[in-house]
C-alpha atoms as a PDB file:
ATOM      1  CA  MET A   1      29.695  30.414  31.125  1.00  0.00           C
ATOM      2  CA  LYS A   2      30.736  29.153  27.682  1.00  0.00           C
ATOM      3  CA  ARG A   3      27.088  28.752  26.710  1.00  0.00           C
ATOM      4  CA  PHE A   4      26.379  32.278  27.919  1.00  0.00           C
ATOM      5  CA  LEU A   5      29.233  33.722  25.857  1.00  0.00           C
ATOM      6  CA  LEU A   6      28.160  31.736  22.793  1.00  0.00           C
ATOM      7  CA  PHE A   7      24.594  32.958  23.123  1.00  0.00           C
ATOM      8  CA  SER A   8      25.746  36.552  23.622  1.00  0.00           C
ATOM      9  CA  PHE A   9      27.772  36.352  20.404  1.00  0.00           C
ATOM     10  CA  LEU A  10      24.868  34.905  18.439  1.00  0.00           C
ATOM     11  CA  PHE A  11      22.424  37.399  19.908  1.00  0.00           C
ATOM     12  CA  CYS A  12      24.635  40.324  18.881  1.00  0.00           C
ATOM     13  CA  THR A  13      24.843  38.840  15.383  1.00  0.00           C
ATOM     14  CA  ILE A  14      21.054  38.567  15.193  1.00  0.00           C
ATOM     15  CA  SER A  15      20.599  42.099  16.507  1.00  0.00           C
ATOM     16  CA  LEU A  16      22.701  43.414  13.666  1.00  0.00           C
ATOM     17  CA  ALA A  17      20.961  41.184  11.128  1.00  0.00           C
ATOM     18  CA  PHE A  18      17.503  42.281  12.194  1.00  0.00           C
ATOM     19  CA  SER A  19      18.233  45.953  12.858  1.00  0.00           C
ATOM     20  CA  GLY A  20      18.385  45.418  16.621  1.00  0.00           C
ATOM     21  CA  ASN A  21      14.646  44.793  16.680  1.00  0.00           C
ATOM     22  CA  GLU A  22      13.361  43.941  20.158  1.00  0.00           C
ATOM     23  CA  ASN A  23       9.900  44.046  18.564  1.00  0.00           C
ATOM     24  CA  LEU A  24      10.494  40.574  17.146  1.00  0.00           C
ATOM     25  CA  PRO A  25       8.109  39.454  14.374  1.00  0.00           C
ATOM     26  CA  VAL A  26       5.684  36.702  15.371  1.00  0.00           C
ATOM     27  CA  GLY A  27       3.498  34.283  13.390  1.00  0.00           C
ATOM     28  CA  ALA A  28       4.411  31.578  10.885  1.00  0.00           C
ATOM     29  CA  ARG A  29       2.098  33.036   8.232  1.00  0.00           C
ATOM     30  CA  SER A  30       3.841  36.392   8.464  1.00  0.00           C
ATOM     31  CA  ALA A  31       7.303  34.815   8.457  1.00  0.00           C
ATOM     32  CA  ALA A  32       6.506  32.801   5.320  1.00  0.00           C
ATOM     33  CA  ILE A  33       5.795  35.997   3.336  1.00  0.00           C
ATOM     34  CA  GLY A  34       9.017  37.668   4.482  1.00  0.00           C
ATOM     35  CA  ASN A  35       7.252  39.454   7.370  1.00  0.00           C
ATOM     36  CA  ALA A  36       5.772  41.873   4.832  1.00  0.00           C
ATOM     37  CA  SER A  37       2.733  41.866   7.109  1.00  0.00           C
ATOM     38  CA  VAL A  38       1.914  45.457   8.021  1.00  0.00           C
ATOM     39  CA  CYS A  39      -1.356  45.043   6.041  1.00  0.00           C
ATOM     40  CA  LEU A  40      -2.074  41.420   6.986  1.00  0.00           C
ATOM     41  CA  VAL A  41      -5.268  40.697   8.928  1.00  0.00           C
ATOM     42  CA  ASP A  42      -5.036  37.801  11.396  1.00  0.00           C
ATOM     43  CA  VAL A  43      -4.604  37.180  15.104  1.00  0.00           C
ATOM     44  CA  TRP A  44      -0.887  38.076  14.909  1.00  0.00           C
ATOM     45  CA  SER A  45      -1.714  41.627  13.802  1.00  0.00           C
ATOM     46  CA  VAL A  46      -1.265  42.401  17.493  1.00  0.00           C
ATOM     47  CA  TYR A  47       2.489  42.301  16.728  1.00  0.00           C
ATOM     48  CA  HIS A  48       2.605  43.774  13.208  1.00  0.00           C
ATOM     49  CA  ASN A  49      -0.070  46.468  13.023  1.00  0.00           C
ATOM     50  CA  GLN A  50      -2.832  46.885  15.581  1.00  0.00           C
ATOM     51  CA  ALA A  51      -5.014  48.713  13.027  1.00  0.00           C
ATOM     52  CA  ASN A  52      -5.582  45.398  11.209  1.00  0.00           C
ATOM     53  CA  LEU A  53      -7.276  43.936  14.292  1.00  0.00           C
ATOM     54  CA  ALA A  54     -10.356  46.046  13.520  1.00  0.00           C
ATOM     55  CA  TYR A  55     -11.087  43.701  10.585  1.00  0.00           C
ATOM     56  CA  HIS A  56     -10.502  40.462  12.500  1.00  0.00           C
ATOM     57  CA  LYS A  57     -14.071  39.233  13.011  1.00  0.00           C
ATOM     58  CA  ASN A  58     -13.725  36.254  15.357  1.00  0.00           C
ATOM     59  CA  ILE A  59     -12.722  35.823  18.976  1.00  0.00           C
ATOM     60  CA  SER A  60      -9.384  34.041  18.569  1.00  0.00           C
ATOM     61  CA  ALA A  61      -6.568  32.475  20.571  1.00  0.00           C
ATOM     62  CA  ALA A  62      -3.185  31.504  19.160  1.00  0.00           C
ATOM     63  CA  VAL A  63       0.233  30.117  20.098  1.00  0.00           C
ATOM     64  CA  TYR A  64       3.548  30.321  18.259  1.00  0.00           C
ATOM     65  CA  TYR A  65       6.996  28.737  18.490  1.00  0.00           C
ATOM     66  CA  GLU A  66      10.190  29.517  16.578  1.00  0.00           C
ATOM     67  CA  ASN A  67      13.524  27.712  16.825  1.00  0.00           C
ATOM     68  CA  LYS A  68      15.846  30.447  15.588  1.00  0.00           C
ATOM     69  CA  PHE A  69      18.779  28.996  13.629  1.00  0.00           C
ATOM     70  CA  LEU A  70      18.065  25.583  15.251  1.00  0.00           C
ATOM     71  CA  VAL A  71      19.565  26.796  18.549  1.00  0.00           C
ATOM     72  CA  LYS A  72      17.207  25.919  21.400  1.00  0.00           C
ATOM     73  CA  GLU A  73      18.582  28.730  23.595  1.00  0.00           C
ATOM     74  CA  MET A  74      17.325  31.180  20.970  1.00  0.00           C
ATOM     75  CA  SER A  75      13.742  30.008  20.840  1.00  0.00           C
ATOM     76  CA  LEU A  76      10.831  32.429  20.632  1.00  0.00           C
ATOM     77  CA  GLN A  77       7.435  31.573  22.127  1.00  0.00           C
ATOM     78  CA  SER A  78       4.293  33.645  21.946  1.00  0.00           C
ATOM     79  CA  ALA A  79       0.583  33.580  22.724  1.00  0.00           C
ATOM     80  CA  ALA A  80      -2.194  35.976  21.727  1.00  0.00           C
ATOM     81  CA  PHE A  81      -5.904  36.497  22.361  1.00  0.00           C
ATOM     82  CA  VAL A  82      -8.144  38.784  20.279  1.00  0.00           C
ATOM     83  CA  LEU A  83     -11.611  39.959  21.328  1.00  0.00           C
ATOM     84  CA  PRO A  84     -13.679  41.856  18.722  1.00  0.00           C
ATOM     85  CA  THR A  85     -16.796  43.694  19.919  1.00  0.00           C
ATOM     86  CA  LYS A  86     -19.735  45.039  17.923  1.00  0.00           C
ATOM     87  CA  LYS A  87     -19.547  48.650  19.110  1.00  0.00           C
ATOM     88  CA  LEU A  88     -16.405  49.173  21.195  1.00  0.00           C
ATOM     89  CA  GLY A  89     -13.731  48.045  18.751  1.00  0.00           C
ATOM     90  CA  THR A  90     -11.251  45.168  19.091  1.00  0.00           C
ATOM     91  CA  PHE A  91      -9.114  44.344  22.130  1.00  0.00           C
ATOM     92  CA  ALA A  92      -6.083  42.047  22.230  1.00  0.00           C
ATOM     93  CA  LEU A  93      -3.588  40.612  24.707  1.00  0.00           C
ATOM     94  CA  SER A  94      -0.282  38.970  23.875  1.00  0.00           C
ATOM     95  CA  TYR A  95       2.910  37.645  25.428  1.00  0.00           C
ATOM     96  CA  SER A  96       6.244  36.687  23.885  1.00  0.00           C
ATOM     97  CA  GLY A  97       9.451  35.336  25.370  1.00  0.00           C
ATOM     98  CA  PHE A  98      12.845  35.008  23.696  1.00  0.00           C
ATOM     99  CA  GLY A  99      15.964  33.293  25.041  1.00  0.00           C
ATOM    100  CA  TYR A 100      16.725  30.849  27.849  1.00  0.00           C
ATOM    101  CA  SER A 101      17.634  30.752  31.538  1.00  0.00           C
ATOM    102  CA  LEU A 102      20.731  32.995  31.276  1.00  0.00           C
ATOM    103  CA  TYR A 103      19.239  35.543  28.894  1.00  0.00           C
ATOM    104  CA  ARG A 104      15.538  36.255  28.528  1.00  0.00           C
ATOM    105  CA  GLU A 105      13.470  38.966  26.842  1.00  0.00           C
ATOM    106  CA  SER A 106       9.762  39.141  27.690  1.00  0.00           C
ATOM    107  CA  LYS A 107       7.075  41.338  26.186  1.00  0.00           C
ATOM    108  CA  TYR A 108       3.536  41.841  27.525  1.00  0.00           C
ATOM    109  CA  ASN A 109       1.133  43.718  25.258  1.00  0.00           C
ATOM    110  CA  LEU A 110      -2.338  45.239  25.478  1.00  0.00           C
ATOM    111  CA  SER A 111      -3.756  46.483  22.162  1.00  0.00           C
ATOM    112  CA  TYR A 112      -6.872  48.208  20.905  1.00  0.00           C
ATOM    113  CA  SER A 113      -8.184  48.904  17.408  1.00  0.00           C
ATOM    114  CA  MET A 114     -11.225  50.572  15.862  1.00  0.00           C
ATOM    115  CA  ASN A 115     -12.405  51.092  12.292  1.00  0.00           C
ATOM    116  CA  PHE A 116     -13.694  54.425  11.052  1.00  0.00           C
ATOM    117  CA  GLY A 117     -15.881  53.253   8.205  1.00  0.00           C
ATOM    118  CA  PRO A 118     -15.190  50.340   5.856  1.00  0.00           C
ATOM    119  CA  ASN A 119     -11.879  51.690   4.501  1.00  0.00           C
ATOM    120  CA  PHE A 120      -9.904  53.067   7.429  1.00  0.00           C
ATOM    121  CA  SER A 121      -8.822  51.856  10.868  1.00  0.00           C
ATOM    122  CA  ALA A 122      -6.364  52.802  13.586  1.00  0.00           C
ATOM    123  CA  GLY A 123      -4.846  50.940  16.517  1.00  0.00           C
ATOM    124  CA  VAL A 124      -2.573  51.368  19.502  1.00  0.00           C
ATOM    125  CA  GLY A 125      -0.508  48.969  21.593  1.00  0.00           C
ATOM    126  CA  MET A 126       1.093  49.357  25.025  1.00  0.00           C
ATOM    127  CA  ASN A 127       4.024  47.122  25.953  1.00  0.00           C
ATOM    128  CA  TYR A 128       5.792  46.163  29.147  1.00  0.00           C
ATOM    129  CA  LEU A 129       9.289  44.869  28.362  1.00  0.00           C
ATOM    130  CA  ASN A 130      11.519  42.886  30.675  1.00  0.00           C
ATOM    131  CA  THR A 131      15.100  41.833  29.953  1.00  0.00           C
ATOM    132  CA  TYR A 132      16.973  39.431  32.234  1.00  0.00           C
ATOM    133  CA  ILE A 133      20.724  38.748  32.011  1.00  0.00           C
ATOM    134  CA  SER A 134      22.455  36.464  34.489  1.00  0.00           C
ATOM    135  CA  GLU A 135      26.046  36.772  35.755  1.00  0.00           C
ATOM    136  CA  ASN A 136      25.015  39.585  38.160  1.00  0.00           C
ATOM    137  CA  TYR A 137      23.538  41.848  35.468  1.00  0.00           C
ATOM    138  CA  GLY A 138      19.968  41.432  36.720  1.00  0.00           C
ATOM    139  CA  ARG A 139      16.771  42.794  35.154  1.00  0.00           C
ATOM    140  CA  ARG A 140      15.716  45.887  33.261  1.00  0.00           C
ATOM    141  CA  ASN A 141      12.148  47.000  32.540  1.00  0.00           C
ATOM    142  CA  ALA A 142      10.664  49.513  30.132  1.00  0.00           C
ATOM    143  CA  PHE A 143       7.367  50.636  28.605  1.00  0.00           C
ATOM    144  CA  THR A 144       6.802  51.311  24.911  1.00  0.00           C
ATOM    145  CA  VAL A 145       3.879  52.450  22.782  1.00  0.00           C
ATOM    146  CA  GLU A 146       3.116  51.477  19.192  1.00  0.00           C
ATOM    147  CA  LEU A 147       0.640  52.946  16.702  1.00  0.00           C
ATOM    148  CA  GLY A 148      -0.880  51.570  13.505  1.00  0.00           C
ATOM    149  CA  LEU A 149      -2.960  52.794  10.557  1.00  0.00           C
ATOM    150  CA  ARG A 150      -4.653  50.933   7.719  1.00  0.00           C
ATOM    151  CA  ALA A 151      -6.475  52.308   4.661  1.00  0.00           C
ATOM    152  CA  THR A 152      -8.082  50.718   1.606  1.00  0.00           C
ATOM    153  CA  VAL A 153      -7.188  53.219  -1.117  1.00  0.00           C
ATOM    154  CA  LEU A 154      -8.524  51.180  -4.049  1.00  0.00           C
ATOM    155  CA  LYS A 155     -10.854  48.197  -4.171  1.00  0.00           C
ATOM    156  CA  LYS A 156      -7.956  45.739  -4.110  1.00  0.00           C
ATOM    157  CA  LEU A 157      -5.118  47.868  -2.709  1.00  0.00           C
ATOM    158  CA  VAL A 158      -4.440  48.333   1.014  1.00  0.00           C
ATOM    159  CA  VAL A 159      -1.875  50.624   2.662  1.00  0.00           C
ATOM    160  CA  GLY A 160      -0.565  50.002   6.174  1.00  0.00           C
ATOM    161  CA  PHE A 161       1.675  51.999   8.518  1.00  0.00           C
ATOM    162  CA  HIS A 162       3.098  51.043  11.901  1.00  0.00           C
ATOM    163  CA  ALA A 163       5.381  52.873  14.331  1.00  0.00           C
ATOM    164  CA  TYR A 164       7.064  51.180  17.295  1.00  0.00           C
ATOM    165  CA  ASN A 165       8.483  53.106  20.273  1.00  0.00           C
ATOM    166  CA  LEU A 166       8.023  56.653  19.029  1.00  0.00           C
ATOM    167  CA  THR A 167       8.811  57.876  22.564  1.00  0.00           C
ATOM    168  CA  ARG A 168      12.388  56.501  22.284  1.00  0.00           C
ATOM    169  CA  ALA A 169      12.129  54.651  25.600  1.00  0.00           C
ATOM    170  CA  LYS A 170      15.377  53.581  27.270  1.00  0.00           C
ATOM    171  CA  MET A 171      16.310  50.117  28.467  1.00  0.00           C
ATOM    172  CA  ALA A 172      19.380  51.364  30.368  1.00  0.00           C
ATOM    173  CA  ASN A 173      21.100  54.665  31.155  1.00  0.00           C
ATOM    174  CA  TYR A 174      24.526  53.243  30.341  1.00  0.00           C
ATOM    175  CA  ASN A 175      25.673  54.470  26.923  1.00  0.00           C
ATOM    176  CA  ASN A 176      22.177  55.929  26.393  1.00  0.00           C
ATOM    177  CA  GLU A 177      20.866  52.473  25.465  1.00  0.00           C
ATOM    178  CA  ARG A 178      17.463  52.943  23.863  1.00  0.00           C
ATOM    179  CA  ILE A 179      14.887  50.476  22.610  1.00  0.00           C
ATOM    180  CA  PRO A 180      14.748  50.638  18.791  1.00  0.00           C
ATOM    181  CA  THR A 181      12.282  52.985  17.125  1.00  0.00           C
ATOM    182  CA  ILE A 182      10.970  51.211  14.027  1.00  0.00           C
ATOM    183  CA  LEU A 183       8.746  52.533  11.237  1.00  0.00           C
ATOM    184  CA  ARG A 184       6.989  50.271   8.716  1.00  0.00           C
ATOM    185  CA  LEU A 185       5.092  51.217   5.556  1.00  0.00           C
ATOM    186  CA  GLY A 186       3.584  48.637   3.237  1.00  0.00           C
ATOM    187  CA  LEU A 187       1.152  47.796   0.447  1.00  0.00           C
ATOM    188  CA  GLN A 188      -0.973  44.710  -0.118  1.00  0.00           C
ATOM    189  CA  TYR A 189      -2.636  44.020  -3.449  1.00  0.00           C
ATOM    190  CA  ASN A 190      -5.384  41.388  -3.484  1.00  0.00           C
ATOM    191  CA  PHE A 191      -5.542  39.952  -6.984  1.00  0.00           C
ATOM    192  CA  SER A 192      -8.448  37.726  -5.931  1.00  0.00           C
ATOM    193  CA  GLU A 193      -9.692  35.793  -2.942  1.00  0.00           C
ATOM    194  CA  LYS A 194      -7.001  33.200  -3.717  1.00  0.00           C
ATOM    195  CA  ILE A 195      -3.839  35.282  -4.069  1.00  0.00           C
ATOM    196  CA  PHE A 196      -2.274  38.491  -2.744  1.00  0.00           C
ATOM    197  CA  LEU A 197       1.111  40.225  -2.924  1.00  0.00           C
ATOM    198  CA  SER A 198       2.600  42.272  -0.070  1.00  0.00           C
ATOM    199  CA  THR A 199       5.532  44.673  -0.076  1.00  0.00           C
ATOM    200  CA  GLU A 200       6.954  46.644   2.815  1.00  0.00           C
ATOM    201  CA  VAL A 201       9.772  48.945   3.860  1.00  0.00           C
ATOM    202  CA  GLU A 202      10.945  48.794   7.483  1.00  0.00           C
ATOM    203  CA  LYS A 203      13.237  51.476   8.929  1.00  0.00           C
ATOM    204  CA  ASP A 204      14.935  51.294  12.290  1.00  0.00           C
ATOM    205  CA  ILE A 205      16.012  54.918  12.706  1.00  0.00           C
ATOM    206  CA  ASP A 206      19.550  53.769  13.621  1.00  0.00           C
ATOM    207  CA  TYR A 207      20.030  51.303  10.747  1.00  0.00           C
ATOM    208  CA  LYS A 208      19.583  50.923   7.008  1.00  0.00           C
ATOM    209  CA  PRO A 209      16.055  50.231   5.698  1.00  0.00           C
ATOM    210  CA  VAL A 210      14.855  46.678   5.113  1.00  0.00           C
ATOM    211  CA  PHE A 211      12.761  45.820   2.066  1.00  0.00           C
ATOM    212  CA  LYS A 212      10.318  42.905   2.284  1.00  0.00           C
ATOM    213  CA  ALA A 213       8.037  41.195  -0.199  1.00  0.00           C
ATOM    214  CA  GLY A 214       5.875  38.106  -0.124  1.00  0.00           C
ATOM    215  CA  MET A 215       2.849  36.378  -1.544  1.00  0.00           C
ATOM    216  CA  GLU A 216       0.169  33.926  -0.483  1.00  0.00           C
ATOM    217  CA  TYR A 217      -1.686  31.572  -2.833  1.00  0.00           C
ATOM    218  CA  ARG A 218      -4.629  29.360  -1.970  1.00  0.00           C
ATOM    219  CA  PRO A 219      -4.800  26.512  -4.534  1.00  0.00           C
ATOM    220  CA  ALA A 220      -7.524  24.731  -2.541  1.00  0.00           C
ATOM    221  CA  LYS A 221     -10.178  25.923  -0.123  1.00  0.00           C
ATOM    222  CA  LEU A 222      -8.319  24.820   3.015  1.00  0.00           C
ATOM    223  CA  PHE A 223      -4.670  24.971   1.867  1.00  0.00           C
ATOM    224  CA  TYR A 224      -2.214  27.882   1.432  1.00  0.00           C
ATOM    225  CA  ILE A 225       1.257  28.230  -0.119  1.00  0.00           C
ATOM    226  CA  ARG A 226       3.466  31.194   0.822  1.00  0.00           C
ATOM    227  CA  ALA A 227       6.898  32.595  -0.030  1.00  0.00           C
ATOM    228  CA  GLY A 228       8.827  35.784   0.612  1.00  0.00           C
ATOM    229  CA  ILE A 229      12.139  37.629   0.889  1.00  0.00           C
ATOM    230  CA  SER A 230      13.697  40.402   2.958  1.00  0.00           C
ATOM    231  CA  THR A 231      16.966  42.340   2.694  1.00  0.00           C
ATOM    232  CA  ASN A 232      19.843  43.475   4.951  1.00  0.00           C
ATOM    233  CA  PRO A 233      20.761  40.611   5.004  1.00  0.00           C
ATOM    234  CA  PHE A 234      18.978  38.740   2.229  1.00  0.00           C
ATOM    235  CA  ILE A 235      16.651  36.194   3.837  1.00  0.00           C
ATOM    236  CA  SER A 236      14.312  33.896   1.937  1.00  0.00           C
ATOM    237  CA  SER A 237      11.207  32.352   3.455  1.00  0.00           C
ATOM    238  CA  PHE A 238       8.531  29.827   2.606  1.00  0.00           C
ATOM    239  CA  GLY A 239       5.620  28.088   4.260  1.00  0.00           C
ATOM    240  CA  ILE A 240       2.242  26.408   4.072  1.00  0.00           C
ATOM    241  CA  GLY A 241      -1.025  26.774   5.932  1.00  0.00           C
ATOM    242  CA  PHE A 242      -4.091  24.655   6.657  1.00  0.00           C
ATOM    243  CA  ASN A 243      -7.572  25.714   7.682  1.00  0.00           C
ATOM    244  CA  ILE A 244      -9.671  23.059   9.426  1.00  0.00           C
ATOM    245  CA  SER A 245     -13.455  23.484   9.624  1.00  0.00           C
ATOM    246  CA  GLY A 246     -13.086  27.255   9.505  1.00  0.00           C
ATOM    247  CA  LYS A 247     -11.893  27.247  13.117  1.00  0.00           C
ATOM    248  CA  PHE A 248      -8.349  25.848  13.344  1.00  0.00           C
ATOM    249  CA  ASN A 249      -5.480  27.431  11.432  1.00  0.00           C
ATOM    250  CA  ILE A 250      -2.145  25.606  11.322  1.00  0.00           C
ATOM    251  CA  ASP A 251       0.779  27.486   9.759  1.00  0.00           C
ATOM    252  CA  LEU A 252       4.282  26.138   9.175  1.00  0.00           C
ATOM    253  CA  ALA A 253       7.203  28.163   7.855  1.00  0.00           C
ATOM    254  CA  SER A 254      10.956  28.568   7.761  1.00  0.00           C
ATOM    255  CA  THR A 255      13.367  31.373   6.983  1.00  0.00           C
ATOM    256  CA  VAL A 256      16.870  30.871   5.560  1.00  0.00           C
ATOM    257  CA  HIS A 257      19.709  33.159   6.661  1.00  0.00           C
ATOM    258  CA  PRO A 258      22.724  33.107   4.273  1.00  0.00           C
ATOM    259  CA  VAL A 259      25.174  32.413   7.129  1.00  0.00           C
ATOM    260  CA  LEU A 260      23.229  31.145  10.141  1.00  0.00           C
ATOM    261  CA  GLY A 261      20.849  28.835   8.270  1.00  0.00           C
ATOM    262  CA  LEU A 262      17.295  27.687   8.951  1.00  0.00           C
ATOM    263  CA  SER A 263      14.785  29.015  11.468  1.00  0.00           C
ATOM    264  CA  PRO A 264      11.698  26.756  11.491  1.00  0.00           C
ATOM    265  CA  MET A 265       8.485  27.964  13.109  1.00  0.00           C
ATOM    266  CA  ALA A 266       4.878  26.972  13.634  1.00  0.00           C
ATOM    267  CA  SER A 267       1.705  28.651  14.846  1.00  0.00           C
ATOM    268  CA  LEU A 268      -1.734  27.405  15.771  1.00  0.00           C
ATOM    269  CA  SER A 269      -4.852  29.544  16.124  1.00  0.00           C
ATOM    270  CA  TYR A 270      -8.467  28.814  16.979  1.00  0.00           C
ATOM    271  CA  ASN A 271     -11.489  30.938  16.064  1.00  0.00           C
ATOM    272  CA  PHE A 272     -14.421  30.850  18.454  1.00  0.00           C
ATOM    273  CA  LYS A 273     -17.337  31.258  16.050  1.00  0.00           C
END
């Protein structure tokens, strides 16, 4: 019971820190650049902006693990699979689970994306959410929909937009408890093939906006260095990435909360060429 109460306290703290976002960010690459990833193209676009999946060229599978604030009961695990097709667009499946035996959030996602020419794409995701709380509280289920857009407005400048739970789905009738509705708008400027800068504004309609910024630099062909920040509260992030034979991607990152400390994370993806 003490562990349950401790977790509940920490979870409430995190909910406030991250704008009550049940759509938890996933992917060590994204985390390293402050989760300013609404324009980022990789396998984890299934969580950040489905429109980006239209430009992901390889069949890919990936796994992710995060140890939030070094508390094992607050771990986040995820897996994703992306299937691009030549004529029908890109399909993706993903799963994420947060928590432990007494409190568990699960998310199952089916996504689809298509490009409309070389400079514009759109995507949609459908989610089944399940929340389990012990001590006789039981389970609650809900469905949400998310939409994404991506446009290349200049040769090196990309704009991305993502909306999560526009239907304002409920998790419970008590106190009109609704799943957060979250809007994200961002820019990514590609200085060259070696370096880009991303900025983003995220707005949970019930909380103050969050500003994010991050950059990725590739000093060598198979090695990446990343750093980023986000606000409300101020969180810094950093990470590195390795590409092996053009197929394996290994990304390591950590975020630093000013009160709760480190959250290390790692992701591994494989491209079936």
